[in-house]
mmCIF file of all heavy atoms, coordinates in Angstrom:
data_MODEL
# 
_entry.id   MODEL 
# 
loop_
_atom_site.group_PDB 
_atom_site.id 
_atom_site.type_symbol 
_atom_site.label_atom_id 
_atom_site.label_alt_id 
_atom_site.label_comp_id 
_atom_site.label_asym_id 
_atom_site.label_entity_id 
_atom_site.label_seq_id 
_atom_site.pdbx_PDB_ins_code 
_atom_site.Cartn_x 
_atom_site.Cartn_y 
_atom_site.Cartn_z 
_atom_site.occupancy 
_atom_site.B_iso_or_equiv 
_atom_site.pdbx_formal_charge 
_atom_site.auth_seq_id 
_atom_site.auth_comp_id 
_atom_site.auth_asym_id 
_atom_site.auth_atom_id 
_atom_site.pdbx_PDB_model_num 
ATOM 1   N N   . HIS A 1 1  ? 69.303 13.663 43.269 1.00 0.00 ? 1  HIS A N   1 
ATOM 2   C CA  . HIS A 1 1  ? 68.020 14.182 43.710 1.00 0.00 ? 1  HIS A CA  1 
ATOM 3   C C   . HIS A 1 1  ? 67.751 13.751 45.159 1.00 0.00 ? 1  HIS A C   1 
ATOM 4   O O   . HIS A 1 1  ? 68.024 12.606 45.532 1.00 0.00 ? 1  HIS A O   1 
ATOM 5   C CB  . HIS A 1 1  ? 66.914 13.697 42.801 1.00 0.00 ? 1  HIS A CB  1 
ATOM 6   C CG  . HIS A 1 1  ? 65.650 14.500 42.898 1.00 0.00 ? 1  HIS A CG  1 
ATOM 7   N ND1 . HIS A 1 1  ? 64.746 14.344 43.947 1.00 0.00 ? 1  HIS A ND1 1 
ATOM 8   C CD2 . HIS A 1 1  ? 65.148 15.472 42.105 1.00 0.00 ? 1  HIS A CD2 1 
ATOM 9   C CE1 . HIS A 1 1  ? 63.733 15.191 43.763 1.00 0.00 ? 1  HIS A CE1 1 
ATOM 10  N NE2 . HIS A 1 1  ? 63.945 15.864 42.653 1.00 0.00 ? 1  HIS A NE2 1 
ATOM 11  N N   . PRO A 1 2  ? 67.214 14.642 46.003 1.00 0.00 ? 2  PRO A N   1 
ATOM 12  C CA  . PRO A 1 2  ? 66.909 14.239 47.382 1.00 0.00 ? 2  PRO A CA  1 
ATOM 13  C C   . PRO A 1 2  ? 65.980 13.097 47.511 1.00 0.00 ? 2  PRO A C   1 
ATOM 14  O O   . PRO A 1 2  ? 66.110 12.272 48.433 1.00 0.00 ? 2  PRO A O   1 
ATOM 15  C CB  . PRO A 1 2  ? 66.242 15.524 47.957 1.00 0.00 ? 2  PRO A CB  1 
ATOM 16  C CG  . PRO A 1 2  ? 66.818 16.612 47.146 1.00 0.00 ? 2  PRO A CG  1 
ATOM 17  C CD  . PRO A 1 2  ? 66.963 16.085 45.745 1.00 0.00 ? 2  PRO A CD  1 
ATOM 18  N N   . TYR A 1 3  ? 65.055 12.889 46.517 1.00 0.00 ? 3  TYR A N   1 
ATOM 19  C CA  . TYR A 1 3  ? 64.180 11.732 46.551 1.00 0.00 ? 3  TYR A CA  1 
ATOM 20  C C   . TYR A 1 3  ? 64.925 10.469 46.289 1.00 0.00 ? 3  TYR A C   1 
ATOM 21  O O   . TYR A 1 3  ? 64.691 9.398  46.968 1.00 0.00 ? 3  TYR A O   1 
ATOM 22  C CB  . TYR A 1 3  ? 63.060 11.899 45.501 1.00 0.00 ? 3  TYR A CB  1 
ATOM 23  C CG  . TYR A 1 3  ? 62.117 10.750 45.424 1.00 0.00 ? 3  TYR A CG  1 
ATOM 24  C CD1 . TYR A 1 3  ? 61.345 10.370 46.499 1.00 0.00 ? 3  TYR A CD1 1 
ATOM 25  C CD2 . TYR A 1 3  ? 62.028 10.016 44.271 1.00 0.00 ? 3  TYR A CD2 1 
ATOM 26  C CE1 . TYR A 1 3  ? 60.518 9.266  46.434 1.00 0.00 ? 3  TYR A CE1 1 
ATOM 27  C CE2 . TYR A 1 3  ? 61.202 8.909  44.148 1.00 0.00 ? 3  TYR A CE2 1 
ATOM 28  C CZ  . TYR A 1 3  ? 60.419 8.564  45.234 1.00 0.00 ? 3  TYR A CZ  1 
ATOM 29  O OH  . TYR A 1 3  ? 59.600 7.459  45.151 1.00 0.00 ? 3  TYR A OH  1 
ATOM 30  N N   . THR A 1 4  ? 65.885 10.467 45.326 1.00 0.00 ? 4  THR A N   1 
ATOM 31  C CA  . THR A 1 4  ? 66.653 9.301  45.028 1.00 0.00 ? 4  THR A CA  1 
ATOM 32  C C   . THR A 1 4  ? 67.497 8.932  46.264 1.00 0.00 ? 4  THR A C   1 
ATOM 33  O O   . THR A 1 4  ? 67.620 7.731  46.615 1.00 0.00 ? 4  THR A O   1 
ATOM 34  C CB  . THR A 1 4  ? 67.626 9.542  43.854 1.00 0.00 ? 4  THR A CB  1 
ATOM 35  O OG1 . THR A 1 4  ? 66.838 10.005 42.716 1.00 0.00 ? 4  THR A OG1 1 
ATOM 36  C CG2 . THR A 1 4  ? 68.354 8.269  43.468 1.00 0.00 ? 4  THR A CG2 1 
ATOM 37  N N   . ARG A 1 5  ? 68.063 9.912  46.934 1.00 0.00 ? 5  ARG A N   1 
ATOM 38  C CA  . ARG A 1 5  ? 68.782 9.640  48.176 1.00 0.00 ? 5  ARG A CA  1 
ATOM 39  C C   . ARG A 1 5  ? 67.939 9.043  49.218 1.00 0.00 ? 5  ARG A C   1 
ATOM 40  O O   . ARG A 1 5  ? 68.377 8.126  49.932 1.00 0.00 ? 5  ARG A O   1 
ATOM 41  C CB  . ARG A 1 5  ? 69.409 10.982 48.688 1.00 0.00 ? 5  ARG A CB  1 
ATOM 42  C CG  . ARG A 1 5  ? 70.372 11.619 47.751 1.00 0.00 ? 5  ARG A CG  1 
ATOM 43  C CD  . ARG A 1 5  ? 70.926 12.897 48.400 1.00 0.00 ? 5  ARG A CD  1 
ATOM 44  N NE  . ARG A 1 5  ? 71.991 13.503 47.564 1.00 0.00 ? 5  ARG A NE  1 
ATOM 45  C CZ  . ARG A 1 5  ? 72.854 14.358 48.027 1.00 0.00 ? 5  ARG A CZ  1 
ATOM 46  N NH1 . ARG A 1 5  ? 72.781 14.741 49.293 1.00 0.00 ? 5  ARG A NH1 1 
ATOM 47  N NH2 . ARG A 1 5  ? 73.801 14.870 47.197 1.00 0.00 ? 5  ARG A NH2 1 
ATOM 48  N N   . GLY A 1 6  ? 66.703 9.508  49.333 1.00 0.00 ? 6  GLY A N   1 
ATOM 49  C CA  . GLY A 1 6  ? 65.785 8.962  50.313 1.00 0.00 ? 6  GLY A CA  1 
ATOM 50  C C   . GLY A 1 6  ? 65.475 7.512  50.017 1.00 0.00 ? 6  GLY A C   1 
ATOM 51  O O   . GLY A 1 6  ? 65.411 6.656  50.915 1.00 0.00 ? 6  GLY A O   1 
ATOM 52  N N   . LEU A 1 7  ? 65.280 7.156  48.727 1.00 0.00 ? 7  LEU A N   1 
ATOM 53  C CA  . LEU A 1 7  ? 65.023 5.766  48.319 1.00 0.00 ? 7  LEU A CA  1 
ATOM 54  C C   . LEU A 1 7  ? 66.205 4.891  48.651 1.00 0.00 ? 7  LEU A C   1 
ATOM 55  O O   . LEU A 1 7  ? 66.032 3.729  49.182 1.00 0.00 ? 7  LEU A O   1 
ATOM 56  C CB  . LEU A 1 7  ? 64.699 5.687  46.843 1.00 0.00 ? 7  LEU A CB  1 
ATOM 57  C CG  . LEU A 1 7  ? 63.352 6.289  46.344 1.00 0.00 ? 7  LEU A CG  1 
ATOM 58  C CD1 . LEU A 1 7  ? 63.292 6.086  44.857 1.00 0.00 ? 7  LEU A CD1 1 
ATOM 59  C CD2 . LEU A 1 7  ? 62.205 5.567  47.029 1.00 0.00 ? 7  LEU A CD2 1 
ATOM 60  N N   . LEU A 1 8  ? 67.415 5.356  48.368 1.00 0.00 ? 8  LEU A N   1 
ATOM 61  C CA  . LEU A 1 8  ? 68.582 4.496  48.639 1.00 0.00 ? 8  LEU A CA  1 
ATOM 62  C C   . LEU A 1 8  ? 68.779 4.327  50.119 1.00 0.00 ? 8  LEU A C   1 
ATOM 63  O O   . LEU A 1 8  ? 69.204 3.264  50.581 1.00 0.00 ? 8  LEU A O   1 
ATOM 64  C CB  . LEU A 1 8  ? 69.807 5.131  47.986 1.00 0.00 ? 8  LEU A CB  1 
ATOM 65  C CG  . LEU A 1 8  ? 69.843 5.174  46.476 1.00 0.00 ? 8  LEU A CG  1 
ATOM 66  C CD1 . LEU A 1 8  ? 71.047 5.934  45.935 1.00 0.00 ? 8  LEU A CD1 1 
ATOM 67  C CD2 . LEU A 1 8  ? 69.854 3.728  45.910 1.00 0.00 ? 8  LEU A CD2 1 
ATOM 68  N N   . ALA A 1 9  ? 68.531 5.378  50.916 1.00 0.00 ? 9  ALA A N   1 
ATOM 69  C CA  . ALA A 1 9  ? 68.700 5.262  52.324 1.00 0.00 ? 9  ALA A CA  1 
ATOM 70  C C   . ALA A 1 9  ? 67.734 4.325  52.977 1.00 0.00 ? 9  ALA A C   1 
ATOM 71  O O   . ALA A 1 9  ? 67.972 3.779  54.042 1.00 0.00 ? 9  ALA A O   1 
ATOM 72  C CB  . ALA A 1 9  ? 68.575 6.682  52.974 1.00 0.00 ? 9  ALA A CB  1 
ATOM 73  N N   . ALA A 1 10 ? 66.579 4.122  52.302 1.00 0.00 ? 10 ALA A N   1 
ATOM 74  C CA  . ALA A 1 10 ? 65.549 3.256  52.884 1.00 0.00 ? 10 ALA A CA  1 
ATOM 75  C C   . ALA A 1 10 ? 65.774 1.776  52.566 1.00 0.00 ? 10 ALA A C   1 
ATOM 76  O O   . ALA A 1 10 ? 65.048 0.919  53.102 1.00 0.00 ? 10 ALA A O   1 
ATOM 77  C CB  . ALA A 1 10 ? 64.197 3.666  52.312 1.00 0.00 ? 10 ALA A CB  1 
ATOM 78  N N   . ILE A 1 11 ? 66.767 1.494  51.741 1.00 0.00 ? 11 ILE A N   1 
ATOM 79  C CA  . ILE A 1 11 ? 67.100 0.017  51.434 1.00 0.00 ? 11 ILE A CA  1 
ATOM 80  C C   . ILE A 1 11 ? 67.758 -0.538 52.688 1.00 0.00 ? 11 ILE A C   1 
ATOM 81  O O   . ILE A 1 11 ? 68.774 -0.067 53.150 1.00 0.00 ? 11 ILE A O   1 
ATOM 82  C CB  . ILE A 1 11 ? 68.029 -0.058 50.230 1.00 0.00 ? 11 ILE A CB  1 
ATOM 83  C CG1 . ILE A 1 11 ? 67.358 0.448  48.954 1.00 0.00 ? 11 ILE A CG1 1 
ATOM 84  C CG2 . ILE A 1 11 ? 68.450 -1.513 50.019 1.00 0.00 ? 11 ILE A CG2 1 
ATOM 85  C CD1 . ILE A 1 11 ? 68.248 0.475  47.776 1.00 0.00 ? 11 ILE A CD1 1 
ATOM 86  N N   . PRO A 1 12 ? 67.203 -1.617 53.230 1.00 0.00 ? 12 PRO A N   1 
ATOM 87  C CA  . PRO A 1 12 ? 67.771 -2.239 54.394 1.00 0.00 ? 12 PRO A CA  1 
ATOM 88  C C   . PRO A 1 12 ? 69.238 -2.664 54.153 1.00 0.00 ? 12 PRO A C   1 
ATOM 89  O O   . PRO A 1 12 ? 69.533 -3.238 53.058 1.00 0.00 ? 12 PRO A O   1 
ATOM 90  C CB  . PRO A 1 12 ? 66.865 -3.447 54.718 1.00 0.00 ? 12 PRO A CB  1 
ATOM 91  C CG  . PRO A 1 12 ? 65.600 -3.109 54.003 1.00 0.00 ? 12 PRO A CG  1 
ATOM 92  C CD  . PRO A 1 12 ? 65.945 -2.289 52.819 1.00 0.00 ? 12 PRO A CD  1 
ATOM 93  N N   . SER A 1 13 ? 70.096 -2.460 55.081 1.00 0.00 ? 13 SER A N   1 
ATOM 94  C CA  . SER A 1 13 ? 71.518 -2.866 54.913 1.00 0.00 ? 13 SER A CA  1 
ATOM 95  C C   . SER A 1 13 ? 72.129 -3.135 56.303 1.00 0.00 ? 13 SER A C   1 
ATOM 96  O O   . SER A 1 13 ? 71.477 -2.806 57.353 1.00 0.00 ? 13 SER A O   1 
ATOM 97  C CB  . SER A 1 13 ? 72.305 -1.764 54.214 1.00 0.00 ? 13 SER A CB  1 
ATOM 98  O OG  . SER A 1 13 ? 72.485 -0.625 55.047 1.00 0.00 ? 13 SER A OG  1 
ATOM 99  N N   . LEU A 1 14 ? 73.327 -3.643 56.353 1.00 0.00 ? 14 LEU A N   1 
ATOM 100 C CA  . LEU A 1 14 ? 74.012 -3.916 57.576 1.00 0.00 ? 14 LEU A CA  1 
ATOM 101 C C   . LEU A 1 14 ? 74.393 -2.633 58.310 1.00 0.00 ? 14 LEU A C   1 
ATOM 102 O O   . LEU A 1 14 ? 74.737 -2.696 59.493 1.00 0.00 ? 14 LEU A O   1 
ATOM 103 C CB  . LEU A 1 14 ? 75.242 -4.792 57.272 1.00 0.00 ? 14 LEU A CB  1 
ATOM 104 C CG  . LEU A 1 14 ? 74.984 -6.184 56.768 1.00 0.00 ? 14 LEU A CG  1 
ATOM 105 C CD1 . LEU A 1 14 ? 76.322 -6.888 56.442 1.00 0.00 ? 14 LEU A CD1 1 
ATOM 106 C CD2 . LEU A 1 14 ? 74.148 -7.011 57.721 1.00 0.00 ? 14 LEU A CD2 1 
ATOM 107 N N   . ALA A 1 15 ? 74.344 -1.514 57.586 1.00 0.00 ? 15 ALA A N   1 
ATOM 108 C CA  . ALA A 1 15 ? 74.761 -0.238 58.200 1.00 0.00 ? 15 ALA A CA  1 
ATOM 109 C C   . ALA A 1 15 ? 73.666 0.298  59.105 1.00 0.00 ? 15 ALA A C   1 
ATOM 110 O O   . ALA A 1 15 ? 73.907 1.113  59.938 1.00 0.00 ? 15 ALA A O   1 
ATOM 111 C CB  . ALA A 1 15 ? 75.060 0.794  57.102 1.00 0.00 ? 15 ALA A CB  1 
ATOM 112 N N   . HIS A 1 16 ? 72.454 -0.223 58.930 1.00 0.00 ? 16 HIS A N   1 
ATOM 113 C CA  . HIS A 1 16 ? 71.321 0.215  59.790 1.00 0.00 ? 16 HIS A CA  1 
ATOM 114 C C   . HIS A 1 16 ? 71.320 -0.556 61.101 1.00 0.00 ? 16 HIS A C   1 
ATOM 115 O O   . HIS A 1 16 ? 71.578 -1.748 61.092 1.00 0.00 ? 16 HIS A O   1 
ATOM 116 C CB  . HIS A 1 16 ? 69.982 -0.033 59.087 1.00 0.00 ? 16 HIS A CB  1 
ATOM 117 C CG  . HIS A 1 16 ? 69.789 0.858  57.900 1.00 0.00 ? 16 HIS A CG  1 
ATOM 118 N ND1 . HIS A 1 16 ? 69.078 0.427  56.777 1.00 0.00 ? 16 HIS A ND1 1 
ATOM 119 C CD2 . HIS A 1 16 ? 70.211 2.084  57.590 1.00 0.00 ? 16 HIS A CD2 1 
ATOM 120 C CE1 . HIS A 1 16 ? 69.081 1.387  55.876 1.00 0.00 ? 16 HIS A CE1 1 
ATOM 121 N NE2 . HIS A 1 16 ? 69.762 2.448  56.353 1.00 0.00 ? 16 HIS A NE2 1 
ATOM 122 N N   . LYS A 1 17 ? 71.057 0.169  62.185 1.00 0.00 ? 17 LYS A N   1 
ATOM 123 C CA  . LYS A 1 17 ? 70.960 -0.494 63.437 1.00 0.00 ? 17 LYS A CA  1 
ATOM 124 C C   . LYS A 1 17 ? 69.667 -1.366 63.447 1.00 0.00 ? 17 LYS A C   1 
ATOM 125 O O   . LYS A 1 17 ? 68.695 -1.047 62.793 1.00 0.00 ? 17 LYS A O   1 
ATOM 126 C CB  . LYS A 1 17 ? 70.883 0.476  64.591 1.00 0.00 ? 17 LYS A CB  1 
ATOM 127 C CG  . LYS A 1 17 ? 72.172 1.295  64.761 1.00 0.00 ? 17 LYS A CG  1 
ATOM 128 C CD  . LYS A 1 17 ? 72.005 2.295  65.943 1.00 0.00 ? 17 LYS A CD  1 
ATOM 129 C CE  . LYS A 1 17 ? 73.330 3.092  66.148 1.00 0.00 ? 17 LYS A CE  1 
ATOM 130 N NZ  . LYS A 1 17 ? 73.254 4.053  67.262 1.00 0.00 ? 17 LYS A NZ  1 
ATOM 131 N N   . ARG A 1 18 ? 69.696 -2.396 64.238 1.00 0.00 ? 18 ARG A N   1 
ATOM 132 C CA  . ARG A 1 18 ? 68.552 -3.342 64.298 1.00 0.00 ? 18 ARG A CA  1 
ATOM 133 C C   . ARG A 1 18 ? 67.304 -2.537 64.837 1.00 0.00 ? 18 ARG A C   1 
ATOM 134 O O   . ARG A 1 18 ? 67.397 -1.888 65.785 1.00 0.00 ? 18 ARG A O   1 
ATOM 135 C CB  . ARG A 1 18 ? 68.880 -4.505 65.192 1.00 0.00 ? 18 ARG A CB  1 
ATOM 136 C CG  . ARG A 1 18 ? 67.786 -5.544 65.204 1.00 0.00 ? 18 ARG A CG  1 
ATOM 137 C CD  . ARG A 1 18 ? 68.225 -6.773 65.954 1.00 0.00 ? 18 ARG A CD  1 
ATOM 138 N NE  . ARG A 1 18 ? 67.140 -7.821 65.932 1.00 0.00 ? 18 ARG A NE  1 
ATOM 139 C CZ  . ARG A 1 18 ? 67.280 -8.987 66.475 1.00 0.00 ? 18 ARG A CZ  1 
ATOM 140 N NH1 . ARG A 1 18 ? 68.384 -9.321 67.157 1.00 0.00 ? 18 ARG A NH1 1 
ATOM 141 N NH2 . ARG A 1 18 ? 66.303 -9.876 66.410 1.00 0.00 ? 18 ARG A NH2 1 
ATOM 142 N N   . GLY A 1 19 ? 66.209 -2.760 64.079 1.00 0.00 ? 19 GLY A N   1 
ATOM 143 C CA  . GLY A 1 19 ? 64.989 -2.080 64.478 1.00 0.00 ? 19 GLY A CA  1 
ATOM 144 C C   . GLY A 1 19 ? 64.770 -0.690 63.865 1.00 0.00 ? 19 GLY A C   1 
ATOM 145 O O   . GLY A 1 19 ? 63.695 -0.121 64.009 1.00 0.00 ? 19 GLY A O   1 
ATOM 146 N N   . GLU A 1 20 ? 65.826 -0.173 63.199 1.00 0.00 ? 20 GLU A N   1 
ATOM 147 C CA  . GLU A 1 20 ? 65.722 1.114  62.563 1.00 0.00 ? 20 GLU A CA  1 
ATOM 148 C C   . GLU A 1 20 ? 65.535 0.995  61.095 1.00 0.00 ? 20 GLU A C   1 
ATOM 149 O O   . GLU A 1 20 ? 66.130 0.130  60.438 1.00 0.00 ? 20 GLU A O   1 
ATOM 150 C CB  . GLU A 1 20 ? 66.983 1.987  62.871 1.00 0.00 ? 20 GLU A CB  1 
ATOM 151 C CG  . GLU A 1 20 ? 67.150 2.370  64.348 1.00 0.00 ? 20 GLU A CG  1 
ATOM 152 C CD  . GLU A 1 20 ? 68.326 3.316  64.549 1.00 0.00 ? 20 GLU A CD  1 
ATOM 153 O OE1 . GLU A 1 20 ? 69.038 3.570  63.563 1.00 0.00 ? 20 GLU A OE1 1 
ATOM 154 O OE2 . GLU A 1 20 ? 68.533 3.759  65.644 1.00 0.00 ? 20 GLU A OE2 1 
ATOM 155 N N   . LEU A 1 21 ? 64.738 1.892  60.513 1.00 0.00 ? 21 LEU A N   1 
ATOM 156 C CA  . LEU A 1 21 ? 64.545 1.906  59.090 1.00 0.00 ? 21 LEU A CA  1 
ATOM 157 C C   . LEU A 1 21 ? 64.316 3.296  58.632 1.00 0.00 ? 21 LEU A C   1 
ATOM 158 O O   . LEU A 1 21 ? 63.429 4.005  59.169 1.00 0.00 ? 21 LEU A O   1 
ATOM 159 C CB  . LEU A 1 21 ? 63.292 1.069  58.716 1.00 0.00 ? 21 LEU A CB  1 
ATOM 160 C CG  . LEU A 1 21 ? 63.012 0.856  57.231 1.00 0.00 ? 21 LEU A CG  1 
ATOM 161 C CD1 . LEU A 1 21 ? 64.122 0.146  56.511 1.00 0.00 ? 21 LEU A CD1 1 
ATOM 162 C CD2 . LEU A 1 21 ? 61.690 0.137  56.964 1.00 0.00 ? 21 LEU A CD2 1 
ATOM 163 N N   . ALA A 1 22 ? 65.139 3.761  57.698 1.00 0.00 ? 22 ALA A N   1 
ATOM 164 C CA  . ALA A 1 22 ? 65.019 5.132  57.210 1.00 0.00 ? 22 ALA A CA  1 
ATOM 165 C C   . ALA A 1 22 ? 63.689 5.319  56.412 1.00 0.00 ? 22 ALA A C   1 
ATOM 166 O O   . ALA A 1 22 ? 63.298 4.397  55.744 1.00 0.00 ? 22 ALA A O   1 
ATOM 167 C CB  . ALA A 1 22 ? 66.243 5.471  56.334 1.00 0.00 ? 22 ALA A CB  1 
ATOM 168 N N   . ALA A 1 23 ? 63.126 6.430  56.521 1.00 0.00 ? 23 ALA A N   1 
ATOM 169 C CA  . ALA A 1 23 ? 61.868 6.746  55.790 1.00 0.00 ? 23 ALA A CA  1 
ATOM 170 C C   . ALA A 1 23 ? 61.876 8.198  55.335 1.00 0.00 ? 23 ALA A C   1 
ATOM 171 O O   . ALA A 1 23 ? 62.552 9.041  55.916 1.00 0.00 ? 23 ALA A O   1 
ATOM 172 C CB  . ALA A 1 23 ? 60.674 6.489  56.692 1.00 0.00 ? 23 ALA A CB  1 
ATOM 173 N N   . ILE A 1 24 ? 61.140 8.452  54.270 1.00 0.00 ? 24 ILE A N   1 
ATOM 174 C CA  . ILE A 1 24 ? 61.008 9.784  53.759 1.00 0.00 ? 24 ILE A CA  1 
ATOM 175 C C   . ILE A 1 24 ? 59.780 10.422 54.479 1.00 0.00 ? 24 ILE A C   1 
ATOM 176 O O   . ILE A 1 24 ? 58.668 9.870  54.271 1.00 0.00 ? 24 ILE A O   1 
ATOM 177 C CB  . ILE A 1 24 ? 60.825 9.828  52.262 1.00 0.00 ? 24 ILE A CB  1 
ATOM 178 C CG1 . ILE A 1 24 ? 62.047 9.151  51.587 1.00 0.00 ? 24 ILE A CG1 1 
ATOM 179 C CG2 . ILE A 1 24 ? 60.667 11.244 51.711 1.00 0.00 ? 24 ILE A CG2 1 
ATOM 180 C CD1 . ILE A 1 24 ? 61.946 8.991  50.058 1.00 0.00 ? 24 ILE A CD1 1 
ATOM 181 N N   . GLU A 1 25 ? 59.965 11.463 55.134 1.00 0.00 ? 25 GLU A N   1 
ATOM 182 C CA  . GLU A 1 25 ? 58.851 12.075 55.918 1.00 0.00 ? 25 GLU A CA  1 
ATOM 183 C C   . GLU A 1 25 ? 57.849 12.679 54.928 1.00 0.00 ? 25 GLU A C   1 
ATOM 184 O O   . GLU A 1 25 ? 58.140 13.054 53.801 1.00 0.00 ? 25 GLU A O   1 
ATOM 185 C CB  . GLU A 1 25 ? 59.425 13.208 56.787 1.00 0.00 ? 25 GLU A CB  1 
ATOM 186 C CG  . GLU A 1 25 ? 60.394 12.682 57.871 1.00 0.00 ? 25 GLU A CG  1 
ATOM 187 C CD  . GLU A 1 25 ? 59.719 11.765 58.883 1.00 0.00 ? 25 GLU A CD  1 
ATOM 188 O OE1 . GLU A 1 25 ? 58.463 11.896 59.072 1.00 0.00 ? 25 GLU A OE1 1 
ATOM 189 O OE2 . GLU A 1 25 ? 60.417 10.923 59.468 1.00 0.00 ? 25 GLU A OE2 1 
ATOM 190 N N   . GLY A 1 26 ? 56.567 12.789 55.401 1.00 0.00 ? 26 GLY A N   1 
ATOM 191 C CA  . GLY A 1 26 ? 55.558 13.380 54.617 1.00 0.00 ? 26 GLY A CA  1 
ATOM 192 C C   . GLY A 1 26 ? 54.808 12.399 53.698 1.00 0.00 ? 26 GLY A C   1 
ATOM 193 O O   . GLY A 1 26 ? 55.083 11.178 53.727 1.00 0.00 ? 26 GLY A O   1 
ATOM 194 N N   . THR A 1 27 ? 53.979 12.916 52.863 1.00 0.00 ? 27 THR A N   1 
ATOM 195 C CA  . THR A 1 27 ? 53.173 12.095 51.917 1.00 0.00 ? 27 THR A CA  1 
ATOM 196 C C   . THR A 1 27 ? 53.331 12.648 50.496 1.00 0.00 ? 27 THR A C   1 
ATOM 197 O O   . THR A 1 27 ? 53.727 13.788 50.260 1.00 0.00 ? 27 THR A O   1 
ATOM 198 C CB  . THR A 1 27 ? 51.671 12.116 52.296 1.00 0.00 ? 27 THR A CB  1 
ATOM 199 O OG1 . THR A 1 27 ? 51.244 13.477 52.306 1.00 0.00 ? 27 THR A OG1 1 
ATOM 200 C CG2 . THR A 1 27 ? 51.500 11.519 53.693 1.00 0.00 ? 27 THR A CG2 1 
# 
């Protein structure tokens, strides 16, 4: 599900550049 993907992408990890954090757009 796209929502599950969004949740997993938002988990901080070493793959993320410093200062960047994935977020699900909208409300």
